[in-house]
Amino acid sequence: MVTVEDLNNILIIGAGTMGHSIAQVYAQSGFKVILVDTNLEILSHALKLIESNLKVLAEFGKVNVNDIPSILSRIYTTTDFKRAAEGKTFVLEAVSEMPEIKKHIFNQLVEICPHDAVLASNTSTLDIFKLLKDIKNPKRLITHHWFAPPHIIPLVEVAPSKKTSKEVINFSIELLQKIGKKPVLIKKFSPSYIVNKIQNAISGAMYELLVKKIASAEEIDFAIKTTLGIRLPIVGIVQSQDFTGLDLIYDIQKSMGGILPLIKEKVEKNHLGAKTGKGFYDYGDLSEDEILKKRDRMYLQQLAFLEKLNNFDPV
């Protein structure tokens, strides 16, 4: 199969919300990108969006404004799917979440592309591996799940199936790192992966609050921005449990009628989080006071930054 060093062009299928921005990222990194869609107007609009994106990035020093024409020149648009796919050794599908369309696309790709071409999907909603269970050479199939807007958000979730080869996984990680992304490898396939699984739980709670008229949209967002919006960029979700204290979480779970064995085991080992120097994270030789001071300084920096930009107000 192709190596990252030998890869010089990328095929992106779908020029919508995700596809046009993903194409931009690859073009920024020096790759020739062929962007395919069924409609010339969509492709024309995609190029306008990419140019606009690049101008915004240039405002923040992420792109040299003088490089924008050359970046755009590396993106080729076409509606000729078959011709675009011929000889391509890496393809990313980013079309709408409609199973039959995705299945049709991949069934064509396996016939047109080289036998060992890496075929990736941007989906996390669909089980692409189940959908394509009869695909030829399934070891080359993988998902690269990007987040909107792809030209800004660093993370890409990489999810293989049990049949995906180690070579394809390694290729995926190396390629994404080369273009400046932060790939996270999902250890085993699970619908929605990491971020969307957690985001879906948050959305469910949010809709319950709205439907029951417990709080308005503005109140909910303000509450989240002024709490989780400050803390999560610093400690995430798992480490935040260490600062709550796993003994307190144990007591809360007990009062609610169910204790996770994972929590019970840590409490029994006195791995209670920051207060004991070990929980989900190991804080080494730092004292509780040192750990909390480090966290709080970061919180205060984050708070000052958000307040300075009036980021608690709606967009």
C-alpha atoms as a PDB file:
ATOM      1  CA  MET A   1       0.000   0.000   0.000  1.00  0.00           C
ATOM      2  CA  VAL A   2       0.981   3.644  -0.421  1.00  0.00           C
ATOM      3  CA  THR A   3       3.065   5.357   2.251  1.00  0.00           C
ATOM      4  CA  VAL A   4       2.476   8.875   3.533  1.00  0.00           C
ATOM      5  CA  GLU A   5       5.779   9.926   1.964  1.00  0.00           C
ATOM      6  CA  ASP A   6       4.640   8.723  -1.465  1.00  0.00           C
ATOM      7  CA  LEU A   7       1.145  10.186  -1.224  1.00  0.00           C
ATOM      8  CA  ASN A   8       0.821  13.343  -3.289  1.00  0.00           C
ATOM      9  CA  ASN A   9      -2.869  13.665  -3.997  1.00  0.00           C
ATOM     10  CA  ILE A  10      -6.083  13.194  -2.049  1.00  0.00           C
ATOM     11  CA  LEU A  11      -9.593  12.420  -3.229  1.00  0.00           C
ATOM     12  CA  ILE A  12     -12.401  13.935  -1.152  1.00  0.00           C
ATOM     13  CA  ILE A  13     -15.938  12.867  -2.010  1.00  0.00           C
ATOM     14  CA  GLY A  14     -18.556  15.394  -0.949  1.00  0.00           C
ATOM     15  CA  ALA A  15     -18.039  19.173  -0.974  1.00  0.00           C
ATOM     16  CA  GLY A  16     -20.539  20.091   1.732  1.00  0.00           C
ATOM     17  CA  THR A  17     -20.095  21.279   5.308  1.00  0.00           C
ATOM     18  CA  MET A  18     -17.249  18.885   6.117  1.00  0.00           C
ATOM     19  CA  GLY A  19     -15.798  17.943   2.752  1.00  0.00           C
ATOM     20  CA  HIS A  20     -14.832  21.408   1.514  1.00  0.00           C
ATOM     21  CA  SER A  21     -13.053  22.232   4.783  1.00  0.00           C
ATOM     22  CA  ILE A  22     -11.217  18.892   4.910  1.00  0.00           C
ATOM     23  CA  ALA A  23     -10.052  19.471   1.340  1.00  0.00           C
ATOM     24  CA  GLN A  24      -8.752  22.859   2.441  1.00  0.00           C
ATOM     25  CA  VAL A  25      -6.699  21.334   5.269  1.00  0.00           C
ATOM     26  CA  TYR A  26      -4.984  18.894   2.907  1.00  0.00           C
ATOM     27  CA  ALA A  27      -4.321  21.656   0.368  1.00  0.00           C
ATOM     28  CA  GLN A  28      -2.824  23.837   3.102  1.00  0.00           C
ATOM     29  CA  SER A  29      -0.400  20.984   3.810  1.00  0.00           C
ATOM     30  CA  GLY A  30       0.779  20.867   0.215  1.00  0.00           C
ATOM     31  CA  PHE A  31      -1.348  18.040  -1.154  1.00  0.00           C
ATOM     32  CA  LYS A  32      -3.105  18.168  -4.486  1.00  0.00           C
ATOM     33  CA  VAL A  33      -6.783  17.612  -3.680  1.00  0.00           C
ATOM     34  CA  ILE A  34      -9.528  16.448  -6.004  1.00  0.00           C
ATOM     35  CA  LEU A  35     -12.897  17.475  -4.579  1.00  0.00           C
ATOM     36  CA  VAL A  36     -15.865  15.608  -6.044  1.00  0.00           C
ATOM     37  CA  ASP A  37     -19.557  16.344  -5.832  1.00  0.00           C
ATOM     38  CA  THR A  38     -22.603  15.780  -8.020  1.00  0.00           C
ATOM     39  CA  ASN A  39     -23.371  19.465  -8.536  1.00  0.00           C
ATOM     40  CA  LEU A  40     -21.186  22.173 -10.066  1.00  0.00           C
ATOM     41  CA  GLU A  41     -22.917  24.869  -8.018  1.00  0.00           C
ATOM     42  CA  ILE A  42     -22.020  23.036  -4.786  1.00  0.00           C
ATOM     43  CA  LEU A  43     -18.407  22.815  -5.920  1.00  0.00           C
ATOM     44  CA  SER A  44     -18.316  26.498  -6.852  1.00  0.00           C
ATOM     45  CA  HIS A  45     -19.790  27.419  -3.472  1.00  0.00           C
ATOM     46  CA  ALA A  46     -17.234  25.151  -1.755  1.00  0.00           C
ATOM     47  CA  LEU A  47     -14.338  27.064  -3.326  1.00  0.00           C
ATOM     48  CA  LYS A  48     -15.827  30.373  -2.187  1.00  0.00           C
ATOM     49  CA  LEU A  49     -16.156  29.019   1.359  1.00  0.00           C
ATOM     50  CA  ILE A  50     -12.569  27.734   1.317  1.00  0.00           C
ATOM     51  CA  GLU A  51     -11.267  31.138   0.206  1.00  0.00           C
ATOM     52  CA  SER A  52     -13.289  32.811   2.968  1.00  0.00           C
ATOM     53  CA  ASN A  53     -11.980  30.299   5.531  1.00  0.00           C
ATOM     54  CA  LEU A  54      -8.405  30.979   4.494  1.00  0.00           C
ATOM     55  CA  LYS A  55      -8.853  34.733   4.850  1.00  0.00           C
ATOM     56  CA  VAL A  56     -10.111  34.270   8.411  1.00  0.00           C
ATOM     57  CA  LEU A  57      -7.159  31.979   9.210  1.00  0.00           C
ATOM     58  CA  ALA A  58      -4.833  34.636   7.798  1.00  0.00           C
ATOM     59  CA  GLU A  59      -6.299  37.173  10.263  1.00  0.00           C
ATOM     60  CA  PHE A  60      -5.013  34.960  13.069  1.00  0.00           C
ATOM     61  CA  GLY A  61      -1.643  34.186  11.529  1.00  0.00           C
ATOM     62  CA  LYS A  62      -2.528  30.569  10.768  1.00  0.00           C
ATOM     63  CA  VAL A  63      -2.038  31.104   7.048  1.00  0.00           C
ATOM     64  CA  ASN A  64       0.074  33.591   5.132  1.00  0.00           C
ATOM     65  CA  VAL A  65      -2.315  35.686   3.062  1.00  0.00           C
ATOM     66  CA  ASN A  66       0.148  35.524   0.152  1.00  0.00           C
ATOM     67  CA  ASP A  67      -0.149  31.714   0.157  1.00  0.00           C
ATOM     68  CA  ILE A  68      -3.919  31.673  -0.352  1.00  0.00           C
ATOM     69  CA  PRO A  69      -3.807  31.628  -4.192  1.00  0.00           C
ATOM     70  CA  SER A  70      -1.389  28.680  -4.233  1.00  0.00           C
ATOM     71  CA  ILE A  71      -3.498  26.770  -1.691  1.00  0.00           C
ATOM     72  CA  LEU A  72      -6.598  27.291  -3.816  1.00  0.00           C
ATOM     73  CA  SER A  73      -4.682  26.224  -6.926  1.00  0.00           C
ATOM     74  CA  ARG A  74      -4.076  22.809  -5.348  1.00  0.00           C
ATOM     75  CA  ILE A  75      -7.821  22.088  -5.115  1.00  0.00           C
ATOM     76  CA  TYR A  76      -9.406  20.654  -8.250  1.00  0.00           C
ATOM     77  CA  THR A  77     -13.174  20.231  -8.470  1.00  0.00           C
ATOM     78  CA  THR A  78     -15.100  17.816 -10.643  1.00  0.00           C
ATOM     79  CA  THR A  79     -18.389  15.967 -10.995  1.00  0.00           C
ATOM     80  CA  ASP A  80     -16.688  13.079 -12.818  1.00  0.00           C
ATOM     81  CA  PHE A  81     -16.508  10.562  -9.963  1.00  0.00           C
ATOM     82  CA  LYS A  82     -15.077   7.679 -11.963  1.00  0.00           C
ATOM     83  CA  ARG A  83     -12.271   9.666 -13.557  1.00  0.00           C
ATOM     84  CA  ALA A  84     -11.395  11.329 -10.248  1.00  0.00           C
ATOM     85  CA  ALA A  85     -11.146   7.981  -8.444  1.00  0.00           C
ATOM     86  CA  GLU A  86      -8.919   6.259 -11.004  1.00  0.00           C
ATOM     87  CA  GLY A  87      -5.509   5.462  -9.535  1.00  0.00           C
ATOM     88  CA  LYS A  88      -6.196   7.156  -6.197  1.00  0.00           C
ATOM     89  CA  THR A  89      -4.523   5.472  -3.240  1.00  0.00           C
ATOM     90  CA  PHE A  90      -6.270   7.450  -0.502  1.00  0.00           C
ATOM     91  CA  VAL A  91      -9.927   8.461  -0.538  1.00  0.00           C
ATOM     92  CA  LEU A  92     -12.040  10.159   2.121  1.00  0.00           C
ATOM     93  CA  GLU A  93     -15.816  10.027   1.829  1.00  0.00           C
ATOM     94  CA  ALA A  94     -17.690  12.951   3.409  1.00  0.00           C
ATOM     95  CA  VAL A  95     -21.178  12.810   1.916  1.00  0.00           C
ATOM     96  CA  SER A  96     -24.497  13.080   3.775  1.00  0.00           C
ATOM     97  CA  GLU A  97     -25.361  10.398   6.329  1.00  0.00           C
ATOM     98  CA  MET A  98     -27.481   8.281   4.003  1.00  0.00           C
ATOM     99  CA  PRO A  99     -26.530   4.576   4.096  1.00  0.00           C
ATOM    100  CA  GLU A 100     -27.441   3.725   0.527  1.00  0.00           C
ATOM    101  CA  ILE A 101     -25.457   6.633  -0.901  1.00  0.00           C
ATOM    102  CA  LYS A 102     -22.363   5.695   1.107  1.00  0.00           C
ATOM    103  CA  LYS A 103     -22.705   2.044   0.159  1.00  0.00           C
ATOM    104  CA  HIS A 104     -23.011   2.960  -3.504  1.00  0.00           C
ATOM    105  CA  ILE A 105     -19.911   5.172  -3.330  1.00  0.00           C
ATOM    106  CA  PHE A 106     -17.710   2.563  -1.677  1.00  0.00           C
ATOM    107  CA  ASN A 107     -18.906  -0.197  -3.995  1.00  0.00           C
ATOM    108  CA  GLN A 108     -17.725   1.977  -6.892  1.00  0.00           C
ATOM    109  CA  LEU A 109     -14.436   2.833  -5.196  1.00  0.00           C
ATOM    110  CA  VAL A 110     -13.436  -0.792  -4.725  1.00  0.00           C
ATOM    111  CA  GLU A 111     -13.878  -1.342  -8.456  1.00  0.00           C
ATOM    112  CA  ILE A 112     -12.063   1.817  -9.602  1.00  0.00           C
ATOM    113  CA  CYS A 113      -9.263   2.414  -7.067  1.00  0.00           C
ATOM    114  CA  PRO A 114      -6.175   0.200  -6.695  1.00  0.00           C
ATOM    115  CA  HIS A 115      -6.711  -2.957  -4.632  1.00  0.00           C
ATOM    116  CA  ASP A 116      -4.685  -1.626  -1.697  1.00  0.00           C
ATOM    117  CA  ALA A 117      -6.032   1.941  -1.723  1.00  0.00           C
ATOM    118  CA  VAL A 118      -6.962   3.236   1.752  1.00  0.00           C
ATOM    119  CA  LEU A 119     -10.679   4.014   1.865  1.00  0.00           C
ATOM    120  CA  ALA A 120     -11.812   6.246   4.716  1.00  0.00           C
ATOM    121  CA  SER A 121     -15.199   7.571   5.788  1.00  0.00           C
ATOM    122  CA  ASN A 122     -15.900  10.680   7.851  1.00  0.00           C
ATOM    123  CA  THR A 123     -18.971   9.117   9.466  1.00  0.00           C
ATOM    124  CA  SER A 124     -19.444   8.417  13.170  1.00  0.00           C
ATOM    125  CA  THR A 125     -23.232   8.174  12.987  1.00  0.00           C
ATOM    126  CA  LEU A 126     -23.357   5.069  10.822  1.00  0.00           C
ATOM    127  CA  ASP A 127     -21.636   1.743  11.359  1.00  0.00           C
ATOM    128  CA  ILE A 128     -19.820   1.912   8.050  1.00  0.00           C
ATOM    129  CA  PHE A 129     -18.167  -1.457   8.686  1.00  0.00           C
ATOM    130  CA  LYS A 130     -21.499  -3.235   9.094  1.00  0.00           C
ATOM    131  CA  LEU A 131     -22.903  -1.383   6.113  1.00  0.00           C
ATOM    132  CA  LEU A 132     -19.932  -2.508   4.002  1.00  0.00           C
ATOM    133  CA  LYS A 133     -19.505  -5.970   5.534  1.00  0.00           C
ATOM    134  CA  ASP A 134     -19.259  -7.560   2.080  1.00  0.00           C
ATOM    135  CA  ILE A 135     -16.748  -5.064   0.671  1.00  0.00           C
ATOM    136  CA  LYS A 136     -13.699  -6.437  -1.116  1.00  0.00           C
ATOM    137  CA  ASN A 137     -10.460  -6.244   0.865  1.00  0.00           C
ATOM    138  CA  PRO A 138     -12.024  -4.854   4.089  1.00  0.00           C
ATOM    139  CA  LYS A 139      -8.619  -4.445   5.745  1.00  0.00           C
ATOM    140  CA  ARG A 140      -8.209  -1.109   3.926  1.00  0.00           C
ATOM    141  CA  LEU A 141     -11.453   0.386   5.267  1.00  0.00           C
ATOM    142  CA  ILE A 142     -11.259   2.872   8.166  1.00  0.00           C
ATOM    143  CA  THR A 143     -12.975   5.987   9.480  1.00  0.00           C
ATOM    144  CA  HIS A 144     -11.406   9.421   9.924  1.00  0.00           C
ATOM    145  CA  HIS A 145     -14.012  11.363  11.867  1.00  0.00           C
ATOM    146  CA  TRP A 146     -13.397  15.108  11.668  1.00  0.00           C
ATOM    147  CA  PHE A 147     -15.176  17.867  13.601  1.00  0.00           C
ATOM    148  CA  ALA A 148     -16.732  21.060  12.308  1.00  0.00           C
ATOM    149  CA  PRO A 149     -15.117  23.271  11.306  1.00  0.00           C
ATOM    150  CA  PRO A 150     -12.346  20.894  10.164  1.00  0.00           C
ATOM    151  CA  HIS A 151      -9.938  23.715   9.305  1.00  0.00           C
ATOM    152  CA  ILE A 152      -9.986  24.834  12.967  1.00  0.00           C
ATOM    153  CA  ILE A 153     -10.766  21.862  15.250  1.00  0.00           C
ATOM    154  CA  PRO A 154      -7.571  19.811  15.839  1.00  0.00           C
ATOM    155  CA  LEU A 155      -9.074  16.415  16.710  1.00  0.00           C
ATOM    156  CA  VAL A 156      -9.761  13.600  14.268  1.00  0.00           C
ATOM    157  CA  GLU A 157     -11.103  10.310  15.658  1.00  0.00           C
ATOM    158  CA  VAL A 158      -9.655   7.280  13.884  1.00  0.00           C
ATOM    159  CA  ALA A 159     -11.806   4.166  14.158  1.00  0.00           C
ATOM    160  CA  PRO A 160     -10.828   0.844  12.576  1.00  0.00           C
ATOM    161  CA  SER A 161     -12.836  -2.341  12.351  1.00  0.00           C
ATOM    162  CA  LYS A 162     -11.561  -5.719  13.517  1.00  0.00           C
ATOM    163  CA  LYS A 163     -10.520  -6.351   9.918  1.00  0.00           C
ATOM    164  CA  THR A 164      -8.664  -3.069   9.343  1.00  0.00           C
ATOM    165  CA  SER A 165      -4.951  -3.732   8.947  1.00  0.00           C
ATOM    166  CA  LYS A 166      -2.323  -2.252  11.262  1.00  0.00           C
ATOM    167  CA  GLU A 167      -0.670  -0.738   8.204  1.00  0.00           C
ATOM    168  CA  VAL A 168      -3.821   1.219   7.377  1.00  0.00           C
ATOM    169  CA  ILE A 169      -4.184   2.363  10.994  1.00  0.00           C
ATOM    170  CA  ASN A 170      -0.554   3.508  11.132  1.00  0.00           C
ATOM    171  CA  PHE A 171      -0.896   5.224   7.758  1.00  0.00           C
ATOM    172  CA  SER A 172      -3.966   7.089   9.011  1.00  0.00           C
ATOM    173  CA  ILE A 173      -2.293   8.318  12.197  1.00  0.00           C
ATOM    174  CA  GLU A 174       0.861   9.391  10.360  1.00  0.00           C
ATOM    175  CA  LEU A 175      -1.081  11.197   7.628  1.00  0.00           C
ATOM    176  CA  LEU A 176      -3.250  13.135  10.062  1.00  0.00           C
ATOM    177  CA  GLN A 177      -0.234  14.128  12.134  1.00  0.00           C
ATOM    178  CA  LYS A 178       1.522  15.320   8.983  1.00  0.00           C
ATOM    179  CA  ILE A 179      -1.303  17.751   8.221  1.00  0.00           C
ATOM    180  CA  GLY A 180      -1.236  19.093  11.781  1.00  0.00           C
ATOM    181  CA  LYS A 181      -4.205  17.226  13.243  1.00  0.00           C
ATOM    182  CA  LYS A 182      -4.416  15.465  16.622  1.00  0.00           C
ATOM    183  CA  PRO A 183      -5.647  11.934  15.890  1.00  0.00           C
ATOM    184  CA  VAL A 184      -7.101   9.774  18.628  1.00  0.00           C
ATOM    185  CA  LEU A 185      -7.304   6.050  17.897  1.00  0.00           C
ATOM    186  CA  ILE A 186     -10.517   4.384  19.079  1.00  0.00           C
ATOM    187  CA  LYS A 187      -9.442   1.082  20.641  1.00  0.00           C
ATOM    188  CA  LYS A 188     -12.532  -0.741  19.403  1.00  0.00           C
ATOM    189  CA  PHE A 189     -15.475   0.321  17.302  1.00  0.00           C
ATOM    190  CA  SER A 190     -18.345   1.916  19.214  1.00  0.00           C
ATOM    191  CA  PRO A 191     -21.132   3.952  17.576  1.00  0.00           C
ATOM    192  CA  SER A 192     -20.597   7.728  17.905  1.00  0.00           C
ATOM    193  CA  TYR A 193     -17.004   7.128  19.134  1.00  0.00           C
ATOM    194  CA  ILE A 194     -15.848   9.438  21.947  1.00  0.00           C
ATOM    195  CA  VAL A 195     -16.980  12.995  21.358  1.00  0.00           C
ATOM    196  CA  ASN A 196     -20.396  12.449  19.820  1.00  0.00           C
ATOM    197  CA  LYS A 197     -21.282   9.853  22.444  1.00  0.00           C
ATOM    198  CA  ILE A 198     -20.662  12.418  25.188  1.00  0.00           C
ATOM    199  CA  GLN A 199     -22.149  15.255  23.158  1.00  0.00           C
ATOM    200  CA  ASN A 200     -25.317  13.235  22.545  1.00  0.00           C
ATOM    201  CA  ALA A 201     -25.737  12.726  26.300  1.00  0.00           C
ATOM    202  CA  ILE A 202     -25.369  16.473  26.852  1.00  0.00           C
ATOM    203  CA  SER A 203     -27.840  17.232  24.070  1.00  0.00           C
ATOM    204  CA  GLY A 204     -30.366  14.830  25.587  1.00  0.00           C
ATOM    205  CA  ALA A 205     -30.203  16.648  28.928  1.00  0.00           C
ATOM    206  CA  MET A 206     -30.411  20.021  27.173  1.00  0.00           C
ATOM    207  CA  TYR A 207     -33.592  19.077  25.284  1.00  0.00           C
ATOM    208  CA  GLU A 208     -35.169  17.775  28.475  1.00  0.00           C
ATOM    209  CA  LEU A 209     -34.562  21.168  30.122  1.00  0.00           C
ATOM    210  CA  LEU A 210     -36.051  22.987  27.136  1.00  0.00           C
ATOM    211  CA  VAL A 211     -39.092  20.737  26.715  1.00  0.00           C
ATOM    212  CA  LYS A 212     -39.938  20.870  30.413  1.00  0.00           C
ATOM    213  CA  LYS A 213     -39.375  24.655  30.347  1.00  0.00           C
ATOM    214  CA  ILE A 214     -36.923  24.445  33.236  1.00  0.00           C
ATOM    215  CA  ALA A 215     -34.662  27.021  31.600  1.00  0.00           C
ATOM    216  CA  SER A 216     -34.478  29.035  28.390  1.00  0.00           C
ATOM    217  CA  ALA A 217     -31.977  28.421  25.610  1.00  0.00           C
ATOM    218  CA  GLU A 218     -30.019  31.512  26.652  1.00  0.00           C
ATOM    219  CA  GLU A 219     -29.962  30.496  30.324  1.00  0.00           C
ATOM    220  CA  ILE A 220     -28.765  26.976  29.536  1.00  0.00           C
ATOM    221  CA  ASP A 221     -25.957  28.175  27.293  1.00  0.00           C
ATOM    222  CA  PHE A 222     -24.870  30.879  29.733  1.00  0.00           C
ATOM    223  CA  ALA A 223     -24.789  28.335  32.564  1.00  0.00           C
ATOM    224  CA  ILE A 224     -22.642  25.932  30.536  1.00  0.00           C
ATOM    225  CA  LYS A 225     -20.293  28.621  29.214  1.00  0.00           C
ATOM    226  CA  THR A 226     -19.626  30.008  32.710  1.00  0.00           C
ATOM    227  CA  THR A 227     -18.935  26.589  34.270  1.00  0.00           C
ATOM    228  CA  LEU A 228     -18.028  23.730  31.934  1.00  0.00           C
ATOM    229  CA  GLY A 229     -16.797  26.230  29.354  1.00  0.00           C
ATOM    230  CA  ILE A 230     -14.088  27.307  31.778  1.00  0.00           C
ATOM    231  CA  ARG A 231     -13.250  23.923  33.282  1.00  0.00           C
ATOM    232  CA  LEU A 232     -13.426  21.406  30.438  1.00  0.00           C
ATOM    233  CA  PRO A 233     -10.650  22.920  28.281  1.00  0.00           C
ATOM    234  CA  ILE A 234      -8.368  22.542  31.305  1.00  0.00           C
ATOM    235  CA  VAL A 235      -9.359  19.242  32.942  1.00  0.00           C
ATOM    236  CA  GLY A 236     -11.621  17.549  30.411  1.00  0.00           C
ATOM    237  CA  ILE A 237     -14.336  15.196  31.631  1.00  0.00           C
ATOM    238  CA  VAL A 238     -12.402  12.321  33.176  1.00  0.00           C
ATOM    239  CA  GLN A 239      -9.848  14.397  35.071  1.00  0.00           C
ATOM    240  CA  SER A 240     -12.639  16.615  36.418  1.00  0.00           C
ATOM    241  CA  GLN A 241     -13.733  13.548  38.407  1.00  0.00           C
ATOM    242  CA  ASP A 242     -10.368  13.576  40.171  1.00  0.00           C
ATOM    243  CA  PHE A 243     -11.058  17.105  41.363  1.00  0.00           C
ATOM    244  CA  THR A 244     -14.558  16.240  42.503  1.00  0.00           C
ATOM    245  CA  GLY A 245     -13.060  13.365  44.467  1.00  0.00           C
ATOM    246  CA  LEU A 246     -13.770   9.744  43.646  1.00  0.00           C
ATOM    247  CA  ASP A 247     -14.862   9.118  47.248  1.00  0.00           C
ATOM    248  CA  LEU A 248     -17.582  11.755  46.840  1.00  0.00           C
ATOM    249  CA  ILE A 249     -18.588  10.261  43.514  1.00  0.00           C
ATOM    250  CA  TYR A 250     -18.744   6.867  45.234  1.00  0.00           C
ATOM    251  CA  ASP A 251     -21.095   8.264  47.872  1.00  0.00           C
ATOM    252  CA  ILE A 252     -23.284   9.926  45.247  1.00  0.00           C
ATOM    253  CA  GLN A 253     -23.523   6.733  43.237  1.00  0.00           C
ATOM    254  CA  LYS A 254     -24.321   4.768  46.390  1.00  0.00           C
ATOM    255  CA  SER A 255     -27.147   7.162  47.316  1.00  0.00           C
ATOM    256  CA  MET A 256     -28.571   6.753  43.816  1.00  0.00           C
ATOM    257  CA  GLY A 257     -28.620   2.982  44.134  1.00  0.00           C
ATOM    258  CA  GLY A 258     -25.733   1.904  41.936  1.00  0.00           C
ATOM    259  CA  ILE A 259     -21.939   1.952  42.216  1.00  0.00           C
ATOM    260  CA  LEU A 260     -19.653   1.504  39.239  1.00  0.00           C
ATOM    261  CA  PRO A 261     -17.064  -1.229  39.944  1.00  0.00           C
ATOM    262  CA  LEU A 262     -14.491   1.083  38.353  1.00  0.00           C
ATOM    263  CA  ILE A 263     -15.110   3.708  41.062  1.00  0.00           C
ATOM    264  CA  LYS A 264     -15.358   1.157  43.869  1.00  0.00           C
ATOM    265  CA  GLU A 265     -11.977  -0.317  42.961  1.00  0.00           C
ATOM    266  CA  LYS A 266     -10.262   3.070  43.000  1.00  0.00           C
ATOM    267  CA  VAL A 267     -11.804   4.086  46.321  1.00  0.00           C
ATOM    268  CA  GLU A 268     -10.702   0.807  47.900  1.00  0.00           C
ATOM    269  CA  LYS A 269      -7.139   1.582  46.743  1.00  0.00           C
ATOM    270  CA  ASN A 270      -7.425   5.127  48.156  1.00  0.00           C
ATOM    271  CA  HIS A 271      -7.008   6.503  44.649  1.00  0.00           C
ATOM    272  CA  LEU A 272      -9.417   9.356  45.285  1.00  0.00           C
ATOM    273  CA  GLY A 273      -8.043  11.927  42.862  1.00  0.00           C
ATOM    274  CA  ALA A 274      -6.144  15.138  43.548  1.00  0.00           C
ATOM    275  CA  LYS A 275      -6.489  14.780  47.316  1.00  0.00           C
ATOM    276  CA  THR A 276      -4.447  11.556  47.350  1.00  0.00           C
ATOM    277  CA  GLY A 277      -2.254  12.225  44.300  1.00  0.00           C
ATOM    278  CA  LYS A 278      -3.795   9.471  42.223  1.00  0.00           C
ATOM    279  CA  GLY A 279      -7.210   8.814  40.718  1.00  0.00           C
ATOM    280  CA  PHE A 280      -7.875   8.408  37.035  1.00  0.00           C
ATOM    281  CA  TYR A 281      -4.638  10.393  36.649  1.00  0.00           C
ATOM    282  CA  ASP A 282      -1.347   9.947  38.488  1.00  0.00           C
ATOM    283  CA  TYR A 283      -0.041  13.280  39.825  1.00  0.00           C
ATOM    284  CA  GLY A 284       3.350  11.943  40.813  1.00  0.00           C
ATOM    285  CA  ASP A 285       4.999  13.672  43.780  1.00  0.00           C
ATOM    286  CA  LEU A 286       2.819  16.804  43.673  1.00  0.00           C
ATOM    287  CA  SER A 287       0.957  17.606  46.883  1.00  0.00           C
ATOM    288  CA  GLU A 288      -2.774  18.320  46.846  1.00  0.00           C
ATOM    289  CA  ASP A 289      -2.006  22.005  47.360  1.00  0.00           C
ATOM    290  CA  GLU A 290       0.360  22.063  44.373  1.00  0.00           C
ATOM    291  CA  ILE A 291      -2.128  20.226  42.150  1.00  0.00           C
ATOM    292  CA  LEU A 292      -4.968  22.603  43.025  1.00  0.00           C
ATOM    293  CA  LYS A 293      -2.814  25.704  42.560  1.00  0.00           C
ATOM    294  CA  LYS A 294      -1.740  24.502  39.119  1.00  0.00           C
ATOM    295  CA  ARG A 295      -5.362  23.864  38.137  1.00  0.00           C
ATOM    296  CA  ASP A 296      -6.636  27.158  39.532  1.00  0.00           C
ATOM    297  CA  ARG A 297      -3.999  29.248  37.778  1.00  0.00           C
ATOM    298  CA  MET A 298      -5.069  27.667  34.490  1.00  0.00           C
ATOM    299  CA  TYR A 299      -8.744  28.275  35.309  1.00  0.00           C
ATOM    300  CA  LEU A 300      -8.039  31.934  36.031  1.00  0.00           C
ATOM    301  CA  GLN A 301      -6.127  32.349  32.778  1.00  0.00           C
ATOM    302  CA  GLN A 302      -9.007  30.761  30.880  1.00  0.00           C
ATOM    303  CA  LEU A 303     -11.603  32.905  32.665  1.00  0.00           C
ATOM    304  CA  ALA A 304      -9.684  36.124  32.031  1.00  0.00           C
ATOM    305  CA  PHE A 305      -9.316  35.250  28.344  1.00  0.00           C
ATOM    306  CA  LEU A 306     -13.015  34.484  27.889  1.00  0.00           C
ATOM    307  CA  GLU A 307     -14.115  37.592  29.785  1.00  0.00           C
ATOM    308  CA  LYS A 308     -11.781  39.809  27.749  1.00  0.00           C
ATOM    309  CA  LEU A 309     -13.398  38.629  24.515  1.00  0.00           C
ATOM    310  CA  ASN A 310     -16.960  38.751  25.917  1.00  0.00           C
ATOM    311  CA  ASN A 311     -17.221  35.077  25.035  1.00  0.00           C
ATOM    312  CA  PHE A 312     -20.033  34.430  27.500  1.00  0.00           C
ATOM    313  CA  ASP A 313     -22.360  36.407  25.218  1.00  0.00           C
ATOM    314  CA  PRO A 314     -24.167  34.618  22.380  1.00  0.00           C
ATOM    315  CA  VAL A 315     -22.373  34.485  19.022  1.00  0.00           C
END
